[in-house]
N, C-alpha and C. Protein backbone atom coordinates (compact mmCIF):
# COMPACT_ATOMS: atom_id res chain seq x y z
N MET A 1 115.41 45.33 151.10
CA MET A 1 116.12 44.45 150.37
C MET A 1 116.96 45.29 149.66
N PHE A 2 118.20 44.78 149.07
CA PHE A 2 118.86 45.57 148.10
C PHE A 2 119.15 44.64 146.85
N SER A 3 118.89 45.52 145.94
CA SER A 3 119.13 44.81 144.77
C SER A 3 120.47 45.26 143.76
N GLU A 4 121.20 44.39 143.08
CA GLU A 4 122.35 44.82 142.60
C GLU A 4 122.35 44.65 140.96
N GLN A 5 122.88 45.80 140.27
CA GLN A 5 122.58 45.66 138.68
C GLN A 5 124.13 45.11 138.57
N TYR A 6 123.95 43.82 137.73
CA TYR A 6 125.38 43.10 137.71
C TYR A 6 126.61 43.67 138.46
N PRO A 7 126.49 42.99 139.88
CA PRO A 7 127.40 43.37 140.60
C PRO A 7 128.76 42.85 140.27
N ARG A 8 128.95 41.92 139.35
CA ARG A 8 130.41 41.34 138.94
C ARG A 8 131.26 42.58 138.36
N GLY A 9 130.23 43.44 137.27
CA GLY A 9 130.78 44.21 136.75
C GLY A 9 130.92 45.59 137.38
N LEU A 10 129.78 46.07 138.09
CA LEU A 10 129.65 47.33 138.60
C LEU A 10 130.10 47.38 139.97
N GLY A 11 129.98 46.14 140.55
CA GLY A 11 130.26 46.28 141.94
C GLY A 11 128.90 45.88 142.89
N GLY A 12 129.27 45.58 144.18
CA GLY A 12 127.93 45.18 144.95
C GLY A 12 127.74 46.59 145.87
N THR A 13 126.76 46.24 146.58
CA THR A 13 126.39 47.13 147.83
C THR A 13 127.45 47.46 148.52
N LEU A 14 127.58 48.78 149.30
CA LEU A 14 128.53 49.19 150.03
C LEU A 14 128.46 48.27 151.57
N ALA A 15 129.51 47.92 152.03
CA ALA A 15 129.42 46.97 153.46
C ALA A 15 128.75 48.00 154.30
N SER A 16 128.94 49.19 154.30
CA SER A 16 128.59 49.96 155.42
C SER A 16 126.76 49.85 155.18
N LEU A 17 126.39 50.11 154.11
CA LEU A 17 124.68 50.04 153.78
C LEU A 17 124.40 48.64 154.44
N ARG A 18 124.99 47.49 153.78
CA ARG A 18 124.79 46.14 154.53
C ARG A 18 124.41 46.00 155.78
N GLU A 19 125.54 46.70 156.40
CA GLU A 19 125.56 46.63 157.98
C GLU A 19 124.27 47.12 158.53
N GLU A 20 123.93 48.26 157.96
CA GLU A 20 122.60 48.90 158.57
C GLU A 20 121.46 47.94 158.14
N ALA A 21 121.43 46.89 157.56
CA ALA A 21 120.30 46.14 157.66
C ALA A 21 120.83 44.46 157.24
N PRO A 22 121.45 44.08 158.13
CA PRO A 22 122.05 42.78 158.05
C PRO A 22 121.13 41.47 157.71
N ALA A 23 119.57 41.77 158.01
CA ALA A 23 118.59 40.83 157.39
C ALA A 23 118.24 40.83 156.00
N ALA A 24 118.53 42.00 155.44
CA ALA A 24 118.07 42.26 154.07
C ALA A 24 118.40 41.26 153.11
N GLN A 25 117.52 40.92 152.23
CA GLN A 25 118.08 40.35 151.14
C GLN A 25 118.47 40.96 150.06
N VAL A 26 119.63 40.40 149.49
CA VAL A 26 120.32 41.04 148.39
C VAL A 26 120.24 40.24 147.23
N VAL A 27 119.68 40.79 146.01
CA VAL A 27 119.30 40.29 144.89
C VAL A 27 120.10 40.56 143.62
N ASP A 28 120.84 39.92 142.66
CA ASP A 28 121.68 40.33 141.67
C ASP A 28 120.27 40.54 140.59
N LYS A 29 120.51 41.26 139.50
CA LYS A 29 119.37 41.64 138.51
C LYS A 29 120.35 41.98 137.31
N LEU A 30 119.72 41.82 136.30
CA LEU A 30 120.28 42.19 134.88
C LEU A 30 119.05 43.33 134.45
N HIS A 31 118.05 43.15 134.64
CA HIS A 31 116.72 44.12 134.23
C HIS A 31 117.03 45.47 135.15
N PHE A 32 116.93 46.59 134.73
CA PHE A 32 117.05 47.79 135.28
C PHE A 32 115.89 47.80 136.05
N SER A 33 114.68 47.76 136.13
CA SER A 33 113.63 47.49 137.17
C SER A 33 113.52 46.48 138.04
N CYS A 34 113.39 46.56 139.58
CA CYS A 34 113.27 45.50 140.43
C CYS A 34 112.05 44.72 140.03
N VAL A 35 110.76 45.53 139.65
CA VAL A 35 109.58 44.80 138.98
C VAL A 35 110.09 43.86 138.01
N ALA A 36 110.54 44.24 136.89
CA ALA A 36 110.77 43.42 135.88
C ALA A 36 111.65 42.26 136.07
N ALA A 37 112.62 42.36 137.01
CA ALA A 37 113.66 41.41 137.28
C ALA A 37 113.13 40.20 138.29
N ASP A 38 111.72 40.68 138.67
CA ASP A 38 111.11 39.70 139.69
C ASP A 38 111.89 39.42 141.10
N CYS A 39 112.73 40.34 141.48
CA CYS A 39 113.53 40.32 142.49
C CYS A 39 112.64 40.67 143.86
N LEU A 40 111.67 41.36 143.80
CA LEU A 40 110.84 42.10 145.02
C LEU A 40 110.38 40.73 145.46
N PRO A 41 110.59 40.62 146.95
CA PRO A 41 110.25 39.71 147.64
C PRO A 41 108.39 39.74 148.13
N PRO A 42 107.77 38.77 148.38
CA PRO A 42 106.34 38.94 148.60
C PRO A 42 106.13 39.95 149.95
N ALA A 43 107.14 39.90 150.58
CA ALA A 43 106.92 40.92 151.87
C ALA A 43 106.59 42.36 151.09
N LEU A 44 107.05 42.44 150.22
CA LEU A 44 107.14 43.98 149.76
C LEU A 44 105.89 44.23 148.66
N THR A 45 105.87 43.01 147.90
CA THR A 45 105.02 42.94 146.52
C THR A 45 103.47 43.31 147.42
N ASP A 46 103.48 42.44 148.35
CA ASP A 46 102.10 42.44 149.21
C ASP A 46 101.65 43.56 150.06
N LYS A 47 102.41 44.80 150.06
CA LYS A 47 102.46 46.00 150.66
C LYS A 47 101.73 46.94 149.58
N ARG A 48 100.93 47.94 150.19
CA ARG A 48 99.91 48.86 149.12
C ARG A 48 101.25 49.99 148.97
N GLN A 49 102.01 50.05 149.83
CA GLN A 49 102.98 51.45 150.01
C GLN A 49 104.37 50.89 149.95
N ILE A 50 105.18 51.34 149.30
CA ILE A 50 106.55 51.04 149.07
C ILE A 50 107.51 52.22 149.08
N ILE A 51 108.66 52.32 150.12
CA ILE A 51 109.62 53.16 149.88
C ILE A 51 110.85 52.96 149.12
N VAL A 52 110.99 53.69 148.08
CA VAL A 52 112.17 53.19 147.06
C VAL A 52 113.49 54.33 147.15
N CYS A 53 114.55 54.03 147.28
CA CYS A 53 115.95 54.52 147.24
C CYS A 53 116.56 53.90 146.37
N GLY A 54 117.98 54.48 146.10
CA GLY A 54 119.01 53.75 145.39
C GLY A 54 119.75 54.74 144.47
N MET A 55 120.51 54.02 143.63
CA MET A 55 121.52 54.64 142.68
C MET A 55 120.96 54.45 141.45
N GLU A 56 121.40 55.55 140.51
CA GLU A 56 120.96 55.56 139.19
C GLU A 56 119.33 55.95 139.00
N ALA A 57 119.37 57.03 139.63
CA ALA A 57 117.80 57.50 139.83
C ALA A 57 117.20 57.32 138.49
N HIS A 58 117.73 57.71 137.44
CA HIS A 58 117.08 57.97 135.85
C HIS A 58 117.03 56.60 135.31
N VAL A 59 117.57 55.72 135.90
CA VAL A 59 117.47 54.37 135.34
C VAL A 59 116.88 53.20 136.08
N CYS A 60 117.74 52.82 137.05
CA CYS A 60 117.09 51.74 138.05
C CYS A 60 116.00 52.44 138.61
N VAL A 61 116.06 53.32 139.44
CA VAL A 61 115.04 53.70 140.48
C VAL A 61 113.67 54.34 139.65
N LEU A 62 113.86 54.89 138.49
CA LEU A 62 112.93 55.34 137.54
C LEU A 62 111.97 54.24 136.94
N GLN A 63 112.72 53.43 136.87
CA GLN A 63 112.03 52.34 135.99
C GLN A 63 111.12 51.32 136.84
N THR A 64 111.96 51.02 138.12
CA THR A 64 111.29 50.47 139.36
C THR A 64 109.91 51.40 139.66
N VAL A 65 110.14 52.42 139.81
CA VAL A 65 108.83 53.07 140.56
C VAL A 65 107.86 53.31 139.70
N LEU A 66 107.99 53.47 137.98
CA LEU A 66 107.11 53.51 137.12
C LEU A 66 106.18 52.13 137.27
N GLN A 67 106.93 51.15 137.14
CA GLN A 67 106.43 49.91 137.17
C GLN A 67 105.41 49.52 138.40
N LEU A 68 105.88 50.20 139.72
CA LEU A 68 105.38 49.87 140.78
C LEU A 68 103.86 50.79 140.78
N LEU A 69 104.17 52.05 140.32
CA LEU A 69 103.07 52.85 139.87
C LEU A 69 101.88 52.22 139.26
N ALA A 70 102.44 51.64 137.91
CA ALA A 70 101.60 50.92 136.89
C ALA A 70 101.01 49.68 137.73
N ALA A 71 101.34 49.17 138.68
CA ALA A 71 100.89 47.91 139.41
C ALA A 71 99.92 48.35 140.57
N GLY A 72 99.92 49.73 140.80
CA GLY A 72 98.78 50.30 141.54
C GLY A 72 99.45 50.59 143.09
N LYS A 73 100.77 50.56 143.31
CA LYS A 73 101.54 50.68 144.39
C LYS A 73 101.36 52.28 144.75
N GLN A 74 101.36 52.77 146.14
CA GLN A 74 101.56 53.80 146.23
C GLN A 74 103.19 54.01 146.59
N VAL A 75 103.95 55.09 145.86
CA VAL A 75 105.69 54.89 146.19
C VAL A 75 105.94 55.84 146.58
N PHE A 76 106.81 56.05 147.52
CA PHE A 76 107.28 56.90 148.17
C PHE A 76 108.79 56.91 147.64
N VAL A 77 109.17 58.13 147.17
CA VAL A 77 110.96 58.06 146.81
C VAL A 77 111.68 59.16 147.46
N VAL A 78 112.56 58.68 148.38
CA VAL A 78 113.21 59.53 149.02
C VAL A 78 114.42 60.02 148.57
N ALA A 79 114.26 61.50 148.14
CA ALA A 79 114.88 62.24 147.17
C ALA A 79 116.50 62.59 147.64
N ASP A 80 116.75 62.37 148.74
CA ASP A 80 118.03 62.67 149.20
C ASP A 80 118.73 61.21 149.37
N ALA A 81 118.00 60.25 148.94
CA ALA A 81 118.67 58.86 149.14
C ALA A 81 118.68 58.21 147.64
N ILE A 82 118.83 59.09 146.63
CA ILE A 82 118.85 58.66 145.54
C ILE A 82 120.09 59.38 144.58
N SER A 83 120.81 58.53 143.60
CA SER A 83 121.71 59.08 143.20
C SER A 83 122.04 59.11 141.36
N SER A 84 122.66 59.63 140.91
CA SER A 84 123.10 59.62 139.33
C SER A 84 124.30 60.23 139.36
N ARG A 85 125.10 59.81 138.30
CA ARG A 85 126.36 60.59 138.09
C ARG A 85 126.07 62.09 137.76
N LYS A 86 125.27 62.21 136.85
CA LYS A 86 124.85 63.83 136.57
C LYS A 86 123.86 64.72 137.54
N PRO A 87 123.98 65.40 137.88
CA PRO A 87 122.78 66.07 139.04
C PRO A 87 121.65 66.28 137.83
N SER A 88 121.59 66.68 136.96
CA SER A 88 120.58 66.75 135.94
C SER A 88 119.56 65.27 135.67
N ASP A 89 120.49 64.72 135.72
CA ASP A 89 119.71 62.88 135.63
C ASP A 89 118.91 62.89 136.91
N ILE A 90 119.14 63.28 137.93
CA ILE A 90 118.38 63.13 139.03
C ILE A 90 117.16 64.26 139.04
N GLU A 91 117.65 65.35 138.62
CA GLU A 91 116.57 66.44 138.83
C GLU A 91 115.36 65.90 137.58
N LEU A 92 115.57 65.25 136.39
CA LEU A 92 114.53 64.91 135.49
C LEU A 92 113.80 63.42 136.01
N ALA A 93 114.60 62.73 136.67
CA ALA A 93 114.17 61.38 136.95
C ALA A 93 113.03 61.80 138.16
N VAL A 94 113.70 62.44 139.19
CA VAL A 94 112.38 63.13 140.08
C VAL A 94 111.07 63.66 139.54
N ALA A 95 111.20 64.81 138.51
CA ALA A 95 110.42 65.32 137.82
C ALA A 95 109.25 64.28 137.55
N ARG A 96 110.02 63.08 136.53
CA ARG A 96 109.12 62.18 135.88
C ARG A 96 108.23 61.53 136.90
N MET A 97 109.02 60.87 137.79
CA MET A 97 108.47 60.18 138.99
C MET A 97 107.22 60.84 139.69
N ARG A 98 107.38 62.33 139.87
CA ARG A 98 106.29 63.04 140.47
C ARG A 98 105.14 63.20 139.55
N ALA A 99 105.64 63.27 138.53
CA ALA A 99 104.35 63.47 137.38
C ALA A 99 103.67 62.34 137.17
N ALA A 100 104.30 61.21 137.56
CA ALA A 100 103.47 59.76 137.31
C ALA A 100 102.87 59.51 138.55
N GLY A 101 103.04 60.16 139.60
CA GLY A 101 102.17 59.73 140.70
C GLY A 101 103.15 59.74 142.15
N ALA A 102 104.27 59.53 141.93
CA ALA A 102 105.09 58.96 143.01
C ALA A 102 105.07 60.21 144.18
N VAL A 103 105.36 60.05 145.31
CA VAL A 103 105.26 60.52 146.19
C VAL A 103 106.85 61.02 146.79
N ILE A 104 107.14 62.22 146.67
CA ILE A 104 108.92 62.56 146.73
C ILE A 104 109.02 63.12 148.05
N VAL A 105 109.77 62.50 148.97
CA VAL A 105 110.16 62.80 150.29
C VAL A 105 111.68 63.08 150.33
N SER A 106 111.92 63.73 151.66
CA SER A 106 113.25 63.32 152.00
C SER A 106 113.53 62.50 153.16
N ARG A 107 114.52 61.92 153.47
CA ARG A 107 114.81 60.80 154.32
C ARG A 107 114.55 61.41 155.71
N GLU A 108 114.51 62.75 156.12
CA GLU A 108 113.72 63.14 157.62
C GLU A 108 112.28 62.91 157.33
N MET A 109 111.78 63.40 156.29
CA MET A 109 110.39 63.26 156.47
C MET A 109 109.78 61.90 156.68
N MET A 110 110.25 61.07 155.77
CA MET A 110 109.99 59.47 155.94
C MET A 110 109.99 59.13 157.33
N LEU A 111 111.15 59.57 157.82
CA LEU A 111 111.51 58.92 159.29
C LEU A 111 110.42 59.19 160.19
N PHE A 112 110.35 60.75 160.17
CA PHE A 112 109.33 61.13 161.41
C PHE A 112 107.86 60.92 160.85
N GLU A 113 107.51 60.70 159.73
CA GLU A 113 106.17 60.20 159.10
C GLU A 113 106.20 58.63 159.58
N LEU A 114 107.47 57.66 159.67
CA LEU A 114 106.83 56.43 160.06
C LEU A 114 106.99 56.41 161.75
N LEU A 115 107.69 57.42 162.38
CA LEU A 115 107.74 57.34 163.83
C LEU A 115 106.52 57.78 164.47
N GLU A 116 105.77 58.82 163.91
CA GLU A 116 104.86 59.49 164.16
C GLU A 116 104.71 60.48 165.32
N LYS A 117 105.18 59.96 166.49
CA LYS A 117 105.59 60.76 167.56
C LYS A 117 107.01 60.84 168.24
N SER A 118 107.23 61.97 168.79
CA SER A 118 108.55 62.00 169.48
C SER A 118 108.42 61.36 170.78
N GLY A 119 109.57 61.38 171.59
CA GLY A 119 109.82 60.47 172.93
C GLY A 119 109.72 58.85 172.56
N GLY A 120 110.33 58.58 173.94
CA GLY A 120 110.48 57.00 173.73
C GLY A 120 111.79 56.50 173.32
N ASP A 121 112.15 55.34 173.58
CA ASP A 121 113.29 54.94 173.13
C ASP A 121 113.67 54.79 171.81
N HIS A 122 112.74 54.23 170.88
CA HIS A 122 112.64 54.03 169.45
C HIS A 122 112.85 55.46 168.99
N PHE A 123 112.10 56.53 169.21
CA PHE A 123 112.38 57.54 168.69
C PHE A 123 113.90 58.22 169.08
N LYS A 124 114.41 58.03 170.06
CA LYS A 124 115.48 58.43 170.61
C LYS A 124 116.81 57.52 169.81
N ALA A 125 116.66 56.60 169.59
CA ALA A 125 117.49 55.56 168.93
C ALA A 125 117.50 56.07 167.48
N MET A 126 116.22 56.19 166.92
CA MET A 126 116.44 56.63 165.65
C MET A 126 116.79 57.96 165.36
N SER A 127 116.79 58.78 166.17
CA SER A 127 117.21 60.39 166.10
C SER A 127 118.60 60.35 166.03
N GLN A 128 119.28 59.53 167.00
CA GLN A 128 120.51 59.68 167.19
C GLN A 128 121.29 58.66 166.17
N ARG A 129 120.61 57.94 165.61
CA ARG A 129 121.37 57.10 164.38
C ARG A 129 121.37 57.77 163.08
N TYR A 130 120.32 58.39 162.66
CA TYR A 130 119.78 58.83 161.42
C TYR A 130 119.80 60.20 161.43
N LEU A 131 119.64 60.93 162.39
CA LEU A 131 119.42 62.61 162.16
C LEU A 131 120.31 63.55 162.77
N LEU A 132 120.95 63.25 164.15
CA LEU A 132 121.96 63.88 164.59
C LEU A 132 123.34 64.12 163.99
N GLY A 133 123.80 65.14 163.98
CA GLY A 133 125.08 65.10 163.00
C GLY A 133 124.74 65.08 161.84
N ASP A 134 123.61 65.36 161.23
CA ASP A 134 123.54 64.83 159.82
C ASP A 134 124.15 65.76 158.87
N GLN A 135 124.80 65.05 157.79
CA GLN A 135 125.59 65.55 156.74
C GLN A 135 124.75 66.20 155.57
N PRO A 136 124.94 67.31 154.88
CA PRO A 136 124.33 67.84 153.93
C PRO A 136 124.74 66.75 152.71
């Protein structure tokens, strides 16, 4: 799912991202946290583990993660899939989320953990799409 913080003023999710998940729900919000905004669908809130990535690591991502942790979820934050305008804000947000109990992972770590094994068409497709030719 994609949440958008005040898209009329700040802009919406990039079309290239939406194309990667055409069936994903897109929710507008004014609260910084997706939890406070009640924009998480039951398909996510019913899960014990949640993967989080997004923009403004020190605001929206941080507040969402802290509230998910408070709700008893195991939260994985994909460190190379979060951003902020200032690098120091990312560093501080990651440190705070880690201290609060979030599991900090990379995109590649998360992908391989979800795949569990190499070989097969699914592994090949995921590797070609998300890992080969990876840019720093």
